[in-house]
Amino acid sequence: RTRQVFGTPPATAIRAVLGADLEAVAQPAWKESLVGLDASEDSLQSEMGRLRSRIRELEAELEMRSVASAMAASSQGELKGRLSLAEQRAKDLESKNRLLESLFQNEQEQRRRVHNQLLDMKGQIRVFCRVRPMVRAVEQEECLTIRRDGTLEVLRNLTSVDGLQRQEKKHFQFDAVFGPSSQQEEIFREVQSLVQSAVDGYNVTIMAYGQTGAGKTFTMYGGQGESRGVVPRTVDAIFQALRKLDPQRFSATVRAQLVELYKNDLLDLMAGKGAAAKLELRRDSRSGDVAIENVEEREVESPEQLLKLLEAGTELRRVASTLLNADSSRSHLFLTISIEVLDRETNGTITSKVRLCDLAGSERPKRSGASGDTMKEAIEINKA
């Protein structure tokens, strides 16, 4: 048997021997390698599964984001459409607002024109008569009849020198007559429309005239509550009319001055007793308006502020006691309220003045019992 082996060719023998040996040696390593490859394949399959799952998650997230982006784009387009529509509506409203503003201005101009034409038809100068309740001394001497057309009929019982009784009848015509039972509100209602004229730019003057003790100061200034007179009611009405103006467009300024004419001297009651400058009258040659130089004019922002200044000023007014009036005014009192309204849109300014005058009452010294300085005051009052 040995010879047979050694009898074979060497190369063939070597391959036969080595082949068997190599197969015996390599087979376990190859199997181990296969096991390692299987484990790697399982690991790779697991990683691939995990990656596929992650890919699906990312694809789902991408799809959601795409849907959200599409929705956002759609919403953005819708918002742009709404914004464009809102802008168009805003332009339309602005155009309508300009049209309404123009119509409103025309209406205001027409209202002012009609309002003041109505007042002109009533008369630029109107005279009212207020009848004071009669005192007992004249109740049996006079009888009054007031008609609706503004006619006042006075019937007096007279006795002649020879003792004969006779009646004297006189008729007086006024724009309006207020009887003894008339209230303060009724008096003011007749002149209230003048306040609106002042806000519209017209100058207005309201004065009370009559003999001493006739009730002029009561009519103009009155008392408290329902007894308030024309002056405090006018002050309230002015500020109420100004508050109705659009504050975004209009700004209003109100100033006031209070002056008394005592004998032949003008005295500034707002400056108080310490006023040193002499007051003088000056007439504007262009407008014809009369102004008082060196007078103190104060700006006020409320009716309460103006009435407080007025109250302090009227306490300095000259008064005296006579047989006809315990508190007889011995001077003429002038309250001037200046109104200035600025229109910011047109840059135009409307100015006007409201003058409220409480004149001292004319009197007969024999009846009033005036003497001394009071007599001199009465003479100057009657001259005025």
Foldseek 3Di string as FASTA:
>chain_A
DVVVLVVDDPVVSVCVVVVVVVCVVCVVVVVVVVVVVVVVVVVVVVVVVVVVVVVVVVVVVVVVVVVVVVVVVVVVVVVVVVVVVVVVVVVVVVVVVVVVVVVVVVVVVVVLVVLVVVVVVLNPDFDEEEFAPDDPVCPQFWDWDADPQQKIKIKGWDADPVGDIDIDIDIDHGSYYHYNPDFQVVVLVVCLSVLVNQVVFEAAEDEDAAAWLRCLCQQAANDDDRSGHNPLVSLQSNVVVVVPDDPVFKDKWKKKWKWKCALNAIDGLLVPPPDDDGWDWDADPPPRDIDIPPHDMGIDDGSVVVVVSVVSSCVPFDFPCWLSHHTFGLIKMKMKMKMWMAGRVVRDIRIYIYIYIYAGRADDCVNRVDDDVRVSSNVSSVVD
